[in-house]
PDB file of N, CA and C in Angstrom:
ATOM      1  N   UNK A   1      93.377 109.329 117.752  1.00  0.00           N
ATOM      2  CA  UNK A   1      94.628 108.731 117.334  1.00  0.00           C
ATOM      3  C   UNK A   1      94.747 108.828 115.813  1.00  0.00           C
ATOM      4  N   UNK A   2      95.936 109.161 115.330  1.00  0.00           N
ATOM      5  CA  UNK A   2      96.158 109.291 113.891  1.00  0.00           C
ATOM      6  C   UNK A   2      96.194 107.938 113.206  1.00  0.00           C
ATOM      7  N   UNK A   3      95.673 107.927 111.992  1.00  0.00           N
ATOM      8  CA  UNK A   3      95.750 106.727 111.164  1.00  0.00           C
ATOM      9  C   UNK A   3      97.180 106.577 110.640  1.00  0.00           C
ATOM     10  N   UNK A   4      97.658 105.356 110.461  1.00  0.00           N
ATOM     11  CA  UNK A   4      98.998 105.183 109.897  1.00  0.00           C
ATOM     12  C   UNK A   4      99.037 105.682 108.458  1.00  0.00           C
ATOM     13  N   UNK A   5     100.141 106.287 108.075  1.00  0.00           N
ATOM     14  CA  UNK A   5     100.290 106.789 106.710  1.00  0.00           C
ATOM     15  C   UNK A   5     101.417 106.041 106.021  1.00  0.00           C
ATOM     16  N   UNK A   6     101.367 105.957 104.697  1.00  0.00           N
ATOM     17  CA  UNK A   6     102.423 105.250 103.974  1.00  0.00           C
ATOM     18  C   UNK A   6     103.775 105.924 104.147  1.00  0.00           C
ATOM     19  N   UNK A   7     104.827 105.169 103.893  1.00  0.00           N
ATOM     20  CA  UNK A   7     106.168 105.733 103.948  1.00  0.00           C
ATOM     21  C   UNK A   7     106.281 106.846 102.923  1.00  0.00           C
ATOM     22  N   UNK A   8     107.204 107.736 103.164  1.00  0.00           N
ATOM     23  CA  UNK A   8     107.397 108.856 102.256  1.00  0.00           C
ATOM     24  C   UNK A   8     107.654 108.336 100.842  1.00  0.00           C
ATOM     25  N   UNK A   9     106.947 108.905  99.874  1.00  0.00           N
ATOM     26  CA  UNK A   9     107.128 108.520  98.483  1.00  0.00           C
ATOM     27  C   UNK A   9     106.205 107.407  98.014  1.00  0.00           C
ATOM     28  N   UNK A  10     105.523 106.728  98.916  1.00  0.00           N
ATOM     29  CA  UNK A  10     104.618 105.658  98.521  1.00  0.00           C
ATOM     30  C   UNK A  10     103.203 106.176  98.480  1.00  0.00           C
ATOM     31  N   UNK A  11     102.544 105.965  97.371  1.00  0.00           N
ATOM     32  CA  UNK A  11     101.144 106.334  97.233  1.00  0.00           C
ATOM     33  C   UNK A  11     100.509 105.337  96.275  1.00  0.00           C
ATOM     34  N   UNK A  12      99.235 105.480  96.095  1.00  0.00           N
ATOM     35  CA  UNK A  12      98.539 104.582  95.181  1.00  0.00           C
ATOM     36  C   UNK A  12      99.112 104.711  93.771  1.00  0.00           C
ATOM     37  N   UNK A  13      99.435 105.940  93.357  1.00  0.00           N
ATOM     38  CA  UNK A  13      99.989 106.143  92.021  1.00  0.00           C
ATOM     39  C   UNK A  13     101.324 105.437  91.855  1.00  0.00           C
ATOM     40  N   UNK A  14     102.160 105.490  92.873  1.00  0.00           N
ATOM     41  CA  UNK A  14     103.464 104.827  92.803  1.00  0.00           C
ATOM     42  C   UNK A  14     103.273 103.322  92.675  1.00  0.00           C
ATOM     43  N   UNK A  15     102.362 102.777  93.437  1.00  0.00           N
ATOM     44  CA  UNK A  15     102.111 101.337  93.398  1.00  0.00           C
ATOM     45  C   UNK A  15     101.562 100.933  92.033  1.00  0.00           C
ATOM     46  N   UNK A  16     100.630 101.716  91.480  1.00  0.00           N
ATOM     47  CA  UNK A  16     100.057 101.401  90.176  1.00  0.00           C
ATOM     48  C   UNK A  16     101.107 101.507  89.072  1.00  0.00           C
ATOM     49  N   UNK A  17     101.980 102.499  89.154  1.00  0.00           N
ATOM     50  CA  UNK A  17     103.046 102.633  88.156  1.00  0.00           C
ATOM     51  C   UNK A  17     103.987 101.434  88.208  1.00  0.00           C
ATOM     52  N   UNK A  18     104.294 100.977  89.413  1.00  0.00           N
ATOM     53  CA  UNK A  18     105.162  99.806  89.567  1.00  0.00           C
ATOM     54  C   UNK A  18     104.514  98.576  88.935  1.00  0.00           C
ATOM     55  N   UNK A  19     103.220  98.402  89.153  1.00  0.00           N
ATOM     56  CA  UNK A  19     102.514  97.257  88.581  1.00  0.00           C
ATOM     57  C   UNK A  19     102.448  97.355  87.059  1.00  0.00           C
ATOM     58  N   UNK A  20     102.247  98.558  86.526  1.00  0.00           N
ATOM     59  CA  UNK A  20     102.213  98.738  85.074  1.00  0.00           C
ATOM     60  C   UNK A  20     103.564  98.399  84.450  1.00  0.00           C
ATOM     61  N   UNK A  21     104.653  98.820  85.090  1.00  0.00           N
ATOM     62  CA  UNK A  21     105.991  98.493  84.584  1.00  0.00           C
ATOM     63  C   UNK A  21     106.220  96.982  84.594  1.00  0.00           C
ATOM     64  N   UNK A  22     105.785  96.321  85.652  1.00  0.00           N
ATOM     65  CA  UNK A  22     105.956  94.874  85.743  1.00  0.00           C
ATOM     66  C   UNK A  22     105.138  94.165  84.666  1.00  0.00           C
ATOM     67  N   UNK A  23     103.913  94.619  84.418  1.00  0.00           N
ATOM     68  CA  UNK A  23     103.078  94.017  83.376  1.00  0.00           C
ATOM     69  C   UNK A  23     103.735  94.170  82.005  1.00  0.00           C
ATOM     70  N   UNK A  24     104.322  95.330  81.739  1.00  0.00           N
ATOM     71  CA  UNK A  24     105.013  95.553  80.463  1.00  0.00           C
ATOM     72  C   UNK A  24     106.241  94.656  80.341  1.00  0.00           C
ATOM     73  N   UNK A  25     106.963  94.459  81.442  1.00  0.00           N
ATOM     74  CA  UNK A  25     108.142  93.583  81.415  1.00  0.00           C
ATOM     75  C   UNK A  25     107.747  92.140  81.116  1.00  0.00           C
ATOM     76  N   UNK A  26     106.632  91.697  81.678  1.00  0.00           N
ATOM     77  CA  UNK A  26     106.154  90.334  81.425  1.00  0.00           C
ATOM     78  C   UNK A  26     105.832  90.164  79.947  1.00  0.00           C
ATOM     79  N   UNK A  27     105.093  91.134  79.380  1.00  0.00           N
ATOM     80  CA  UNK A  27     104.737  91.065  77.963  1.00  0.00           C
ATOM     81  C   UNK A  27     105.987  91.074  77.082  1.00  0.00           C
ATOM     82  N   UNK A  28     106.939  91.948  77.383  1.00  0.00           N
ATOM     83  CA  UNK A  28     108.159  92.058  76.581  1.00  0.00           C
ATOM     84  C   UNK A  28     108.994  90.779  76.669  1.00  0.00           C
ATOM     85  N   UNK A  29     109.076  90.191  77.854  1.00  0.00           N
ATOM     86  CA  UNK A  29     109.841  88.959  78.049  1.00  0.00           C
ATOM     87  C   UNK A  29     109.319  87.856  77.130  1.00  0.00           C
ATOM     88  N   UNK A  30     108.006  87.646  77.153  1.00  0.00           N
ATOM     89  CA  UNK A  30     107.443  86.565  76.359  1.00  0.00           C
ATOM     90  C   UNK A  30     107.406  86.898  74.876  1.00  0.00           C
ATOM     91  N   UNK A  31     107.247  88.177  74.518  1.00  0.00           N
ATOM     92  CA  UNK A  31     107.253  88.556  73.108  1.00  0.00           C
ATOM     93  C   UNK A  31     108.620  88.286  72.489  1.00  0.00           C
ATOM     94  N   UNK A  32     109.677  88.548  73.243  1.00  0.00           N
ATOM     95  CA  UNK A  32     111.033  88.286  72.751  1.00  0.00           C
ATOM     96  C   UNK A  32     111.260  86.799  72.501  1.00  0.00           C
ATOM     97  N   UNK A  33     110.467  85.961  73.116  1.00  0.00           N
ATOM     98  CA  UNK A  33     110.585  84.513  72.943  1.00  0.00           C
ATOM     99  C   UNK A  33     109.528  83.951  71.994  1.00  0.00           C
ATOM    100  N   UNK A  34     108.776  84.853  71.333  1.00  0.00           N
ATOM    101  CA  UNK A  34     107.833  84.421  70.310  1.00  0.00           C
ATOM    102  C   UNK A  34     106.416  84.162  70.778  1.00  0.00           C
ATOM    103  N   UNK A  35     106.011  84.733  71.894  1.00  0.00           N
ATOM    104  CA  UNK A  35     104.662  84.513  72.408  1.00  0.00           C
ATOM    105  C   UNK A  35     103.955  85.835  72.675  1.00  0.00           C
ATOM    106  N   UNK A  36     102.640  85.819  72.523  1.00  0.00           N
ATOM    107  CA  UNK A  36     101.822  86.975  72.876  1.00  0.00           C
ATOM    108  C   UNK A  36     101.158  86.705  74.217  1.00  0.00           C
ATOM    109  N   UNK A  37     101.324  87.613  75.138  1.00  0.00           N
ATOM    110  CA  UNK A  37     100.715  87.492  76.460  1.00  0.00           C
ATOM    111  C   UNK A  37      99.924  88.765  76.728  1.00  0.00           C
ATOM    112  N   UNK A  38      98.682  88.608  77.109  1.00  0.00           N
ATOM    113  CA  UNK A  38      97.848  89.750  77.478  1.00  0.00           C
ATOM    114  C   UNK A  38      97.892  89.906  78.997  1.00  0.00           C
ATOM    115  N   UNK A  39      98.175  91.106  79.459  1.00  0.00           N
ATOM    116  CA  UNK A  39      98.193  91.369  80.900  1.00  0.00           C
ATOM    117  C   UNK A  39      97.234  92.496  81.220  1.00  0.00           C
ATOM    118  N   UNK A  40      96.733  92.491  82.438  1.00  0.00           N
ATOM    119  CA  UNK A  40      95.867  93.571  82.917  1.00  0.00           C
ATOM    120  C   UNK A  40      96.083  93.719  84.421  1.00  0.00           C
ATOM    121  N   UNK A  41      95.820  94.909  84.901  1.00  0.00           N
ATOM    122  CA  UNK A  41      95.971  95.176  86.328  1.00  0.00           C
ATOM    123  C   UNK A  41      94.583  95.270  86.935  1.00  0.00           C
ATOM    124  N   UNK A  42      94.345  94.490  87.952  1.00  0.00           N
ATOM    125  CA  UNK A  42      93.073  94.521  88.668  1.00  0.00           C
ATOM    126  C   UNK A  42      93.320  95.042  90.071  1.00  0.00           C
ATOM    127  N   UNK A  43      92.467  95.953  90.480  1.00  0.00           N
ATOM    128  CA  UNK A  43      92.564  96.472  91.837  1.00  0.00           C
ATOM    129  C   UNK A  43      91.589  95.672  92.684  1.00  0.00           C
ATOM    130  N   UNK A  44      92.144  94.927  93.606  1.00  0.00           N
ATOM    131  CA  UNK A  44      91.329  94.070  94.465  1.00  0.00           C
ATOM    132  C   UNK A  44      90.518  94.920  95.438  1.00  0.00           C
ATOM    133  N   UNK A  45      89.429  94.366  95.919  1.00  0.00           N
ATOM    134  CA  UNK A  45      88.616  95.089  96.894  1.00  0.00           C
ATOM    135  C   UNK A  45      89.252  95.062  98.277  1.00  0.00           C
ATOM    136  N   UNK A  46      90.215  94.166  98.481  1.00  0.00           N
ATOM    137  CA  UNK A  46      90.909  94.096  99.764  1.00  0.00           C
ATOM    138  C   UNK A  46      91.791  95.326  99.933  1.00  0.00           C
ATOM    139  N   UNK A  47      91.723  95.946 101.085  1.00  0.00           N
ATOM    140  CA  UNK A  47      92.548  97.109 101.380  1.00  0.00           C
ATOM    141  C   UNK A  47      93.629  96.718 102.371  1.00  0.00           C
ATOM    142  N   UNK A  48      94.827  97.167 102.104  1.00  0.00           N
ATOM    143  CA  UNK A  48      95.935  96.951 103.021  1.00  0.00           C
ATOM    144  C   UNK A  48      95.636  97.725 104.302  1.00  0.00           C
ATOM    145  N   UNK A  49      95.595  97.067 105.417  1.00  0.00           N
ATOM    146  CA  UNK A  49      95.201  97.721 106.675  1.00  0.00           C
ATOM    147  C   UNK A  49      96.245  98.691 107.195  1.00  0.00           C
ATOM    148  N   UNK A  50      97.485  98.477 106.848  1.00  0.00           N
ATOM    149  CA  UNK A  50      98.535  99.362 107.343  1.00  0.00           C
ATOM    150  C   UNK A  50      98.575 100.648 106.543  1.00  0.00           C
ATOM    151  N   UNK A  51      98.610 100.532 105.213  1.00  0.00           N
ATOM    152  CA  UNK A  51      98.797 101.718 104.369  1.00  0.00           C
ATOM    153  C   UNK A  51      97.488 102.305 103.861  1.00  0.00           C
ATOM    154  N   UNK A  52      96.396 101.598 103.984  1.00  0.00           N
ATOM    155  CA  UNK A  52      95.070 102.095 103.620  1.00  0.00           C
ATOM    156  C   UNK A  52      94.928 102.417 102.133  1.00  0.00           C
ATOM    157  N   UNK A  53      95.351 101.508 101.259  1.00  0.00           N
ATOM    158  CA  UNK A  53      95.074 101.678  99.844  1.00  0.00           C
ATOM    159  C   UNK A  53      94.792 100.314  99.224  1.00  0.00           C
ATOM    160  N   UNK A  54      94.059 100.296  98.092  1.00  0.00           N
ATOM    161  CA  UNK A  54      93.722  99.017  97.459  1.00  0.00           C
ATOM    162  C   UNK A  54      94.972  98.275  97.006  1.00  0.00           C
ATOM    163  N   UNK A  55      94.876  96.971  96.982  1.00  0.00           N
ATOM    164  CA  UNK A  55      96.006  96.137  96.584  1.00  0.00           C
ATOM    165  C   UNK A  55      95.812  95.713  95.124  1.00  0.00           C
ATOM    166  N   UNK A  56      96.671  96.200  94.201  1.00  0.00           N
ATOM    167  CA  UNK A  56      96.548  95.797  92.798  1.00  0.00           C
ATOM    168  C   UNK A  56      97.225  94.454  92.554  1.00  0.00           C
ATOM    169  N   UNK A  57      96.762  93.752  91.519  1.00  0.00           N
ATOM    170  CA  UNK A  57      97.419  92.509  91.124  1.00  0.00           C
ATOM    171  C   UNK A  57      97.425  92.429  89.604  1.00  0.00           C
ATOM    172  N   UNK A  58      98.396  91.714  89.070  1.00  0.00           N
ATOM    173  CA  UNK A  58      98.524  91.560  87.624  1.00  0.00           C
ATOM    174  C   UNK A  58      97.906  90.230  87.229  1.00  0.00           C
ATOM    175  N   UNK A  59      97.036  90.274  86.239  1.00  0.00           N
ATOM    176  CA  UNK A  59      96.405  89.069  85.701  1.00  0.00           C
ATOM    177  C   UNK A  59      96.847  88.911  84.252  1.00  0.00           C
ATOM    178  N   UNK A  60      96.903  87.671  83.791  1.00  0.00           N
ATOM    179  CA  UNK A  60      97.296  87.429  82.407  1.00  0.00           C
ATOM    180  C   UNK A  60      96.498  86.258  81.849  1.00  0.00           C
ATOM    181  N   UNK A  61      96.681  86.030  80.544  1.00  0.00           N
ATOM    182  CA  UNK A  61      96.004  84.906  79.907  1.00  0.00           C
ATOM    183  C   UNK A  61      96.886  83.653  79.867  1.00  0.00           C
ATOM    184  N   UNK A  62      97.967  83.645  80.644  1.00  0.00           N
ATOM    185  CA  UNK A  62      98.840  82.473  80.686  1.00  0.00           C
ATOM    186  C   UNK A  62      98.171  81.349  81.482  1.00  0.00           C
ATOM    187  N   UNK A  63      98.552  80.128  81.158  1.00  0.00           N
ATOM    188  CA  UNK A  63      98.031  78.954  81.856  1.00  0.00           C
ATOM    189  C   UNK A  63      99.205  78.271  82.547  1.00  0.00           C
ATOM    190  N   UNK A  64      99.107  78.091  83.838  1.00  0.00           N
ATOM    191  CA  UNK A  64     100.184  77.496  84.636  1.00  0.00           C
ATOM    192  C   UNK A  64     101.517  78.207  84.423  1.00  0.00           C
ATOM    193  N   UNK A  65     101.458  79.523  84.254  1.00  0.00           N
ATOM    194  CA  UNK A  65     102.670  80.317  84.099  1.00  0.00           C
ATOM    195  C   UNK A  65     103.286  80.300  82.718  1.00  0.00           C
ATOM    196  N   UNK A  66     102.616  79.663  81.755  1.00  0.00           N
ATOM    197  CA  UNK A  66     103.138  79.594  80.391  1.00  0.00           C
ATOM    198  C   UNK A  66     102.151  80.227  79.415  1.00  0.00           C
ATOM    199  N   UNK A  67     102.664  80.921  78.388  1.00  0.00           N
ATOM    200  CA  UNK A  67     101.777  81.567  77.416  1.00  0.00           C
ATOM    201  C   UNK A  67     101.082  80.546  76.524  1.00  0.00           C
ATOM    202  N   UNK A  68      99.945  80.962  75.960  1.00  0.00           N
ATOM    203  CA  UNK A  68      99.173  80.053  75.110  1.00  0.00           C
ATOM    204  C   UNK A  68      99.124  80.501  73.652  1.00  0.00           C
ATOM    205  N   UNK A  69      99.513  81.742  73.345  1.00  0.00           N
ATOM    206  CA  UNK A  69      99.458  82.254  71.971  1.00  0.00           C
ATOM    207  C   UNK A  69     100.860  82.509  71.439  1.00  0.00           C
ATOM    208  N   UNK A  70     101.149  81.941  70.287  1.00  0.00           N
ATOM    209  CA  UNK A  70     102.452  82.155  69.642  1.00  0.00           C
ATOM    210  C   UNK A  70     102.306  83.267  68.606  1.00  0.00           C
ATOM    211  N   UNK A  71     103.356  84.061  68.465  1.00  0.00           N
ATOM    212  CA  UNK A  71     103.377  85.128  67.471  1.00  0.00           C
ATOM    213  C   UNK A  71     103.514  84.495  66.099  1.00  0.00           C
ATOM    214  N   UNK A  72     102.675  84.934  65.150  1.00  0.00           N
ATOM    215  CA  UNK A  72     102.815  84.420  63.788  1.00  0.00           C
ATOM    216  C   UNK A  72     103.866  85.242  63.053  1.00  0.00           C
ATOM    217  N   UNK A  73     104.632  84.596  62.235  1.00  0.00           N
ATOM    218  CA  UNK A  73     105.690  85.289  61.515  1.00  0.00           C
ATOM    219  C   UNK A  73     106.999  85.242  62.266  1.00  0.00           C
ATOM    220  N   UNK A  74     107.945  86.007  61.773  1.00  0.00           N
ATOM    221  CA  UNK A  74     109.293  85.988  62.342  1.00  0.00           C
ATOM    222  C   UNK A  74     109.419  86.993  63.484  1.00  0.00           C
ATOM    223  N   UNK A  75     110.067  86.591  64.532  1.00  0.00           N
ATOM    224  CA  UNK A  75     110.265  87.461  65.687  1.00  0.00           C
ATOM    225  C   UNK A  75     111.738  87.817  65.770  1.00  0.00           C
ATOM    226  N   UNK A  76     112.019  89.100  65.923  1.00  0.00           N
ATOM    227  CA  UNK A  76     113.398  89.562  66.051  1.00  0.00           C
ATOM    228  C   UNK A  76     113.885  89.287  67.467  1.00  0.00           C
ATOM    229  N   UNK A  77     115.100  88.768  67.591  1.00  0.00           N
ATOM    230  CA  UNK A  77     115.652  88.473  68.919  1.00  0.00           C
ATOM    231  C   UNK A  77     116.684  89.480  69.312  1.00  0.00           C
TER     232      UNK A  77
END
């Protein structure tokens, strides 16, 4: 029996690119409001059983969803 394959156009690279774009959007959002947020993408050891690829997640240095470092100096809005 054949293993299930991802939908057309979906691959690990597509998923990782999507996560990278989201991480950049998070950083840009908070930077525009005067905060520095560090983000990183971690690939979990858990594998999606349907599509058979690792599940990435975005981690940050925020606490309870709020940033902890303020940008020093003036921030352009």
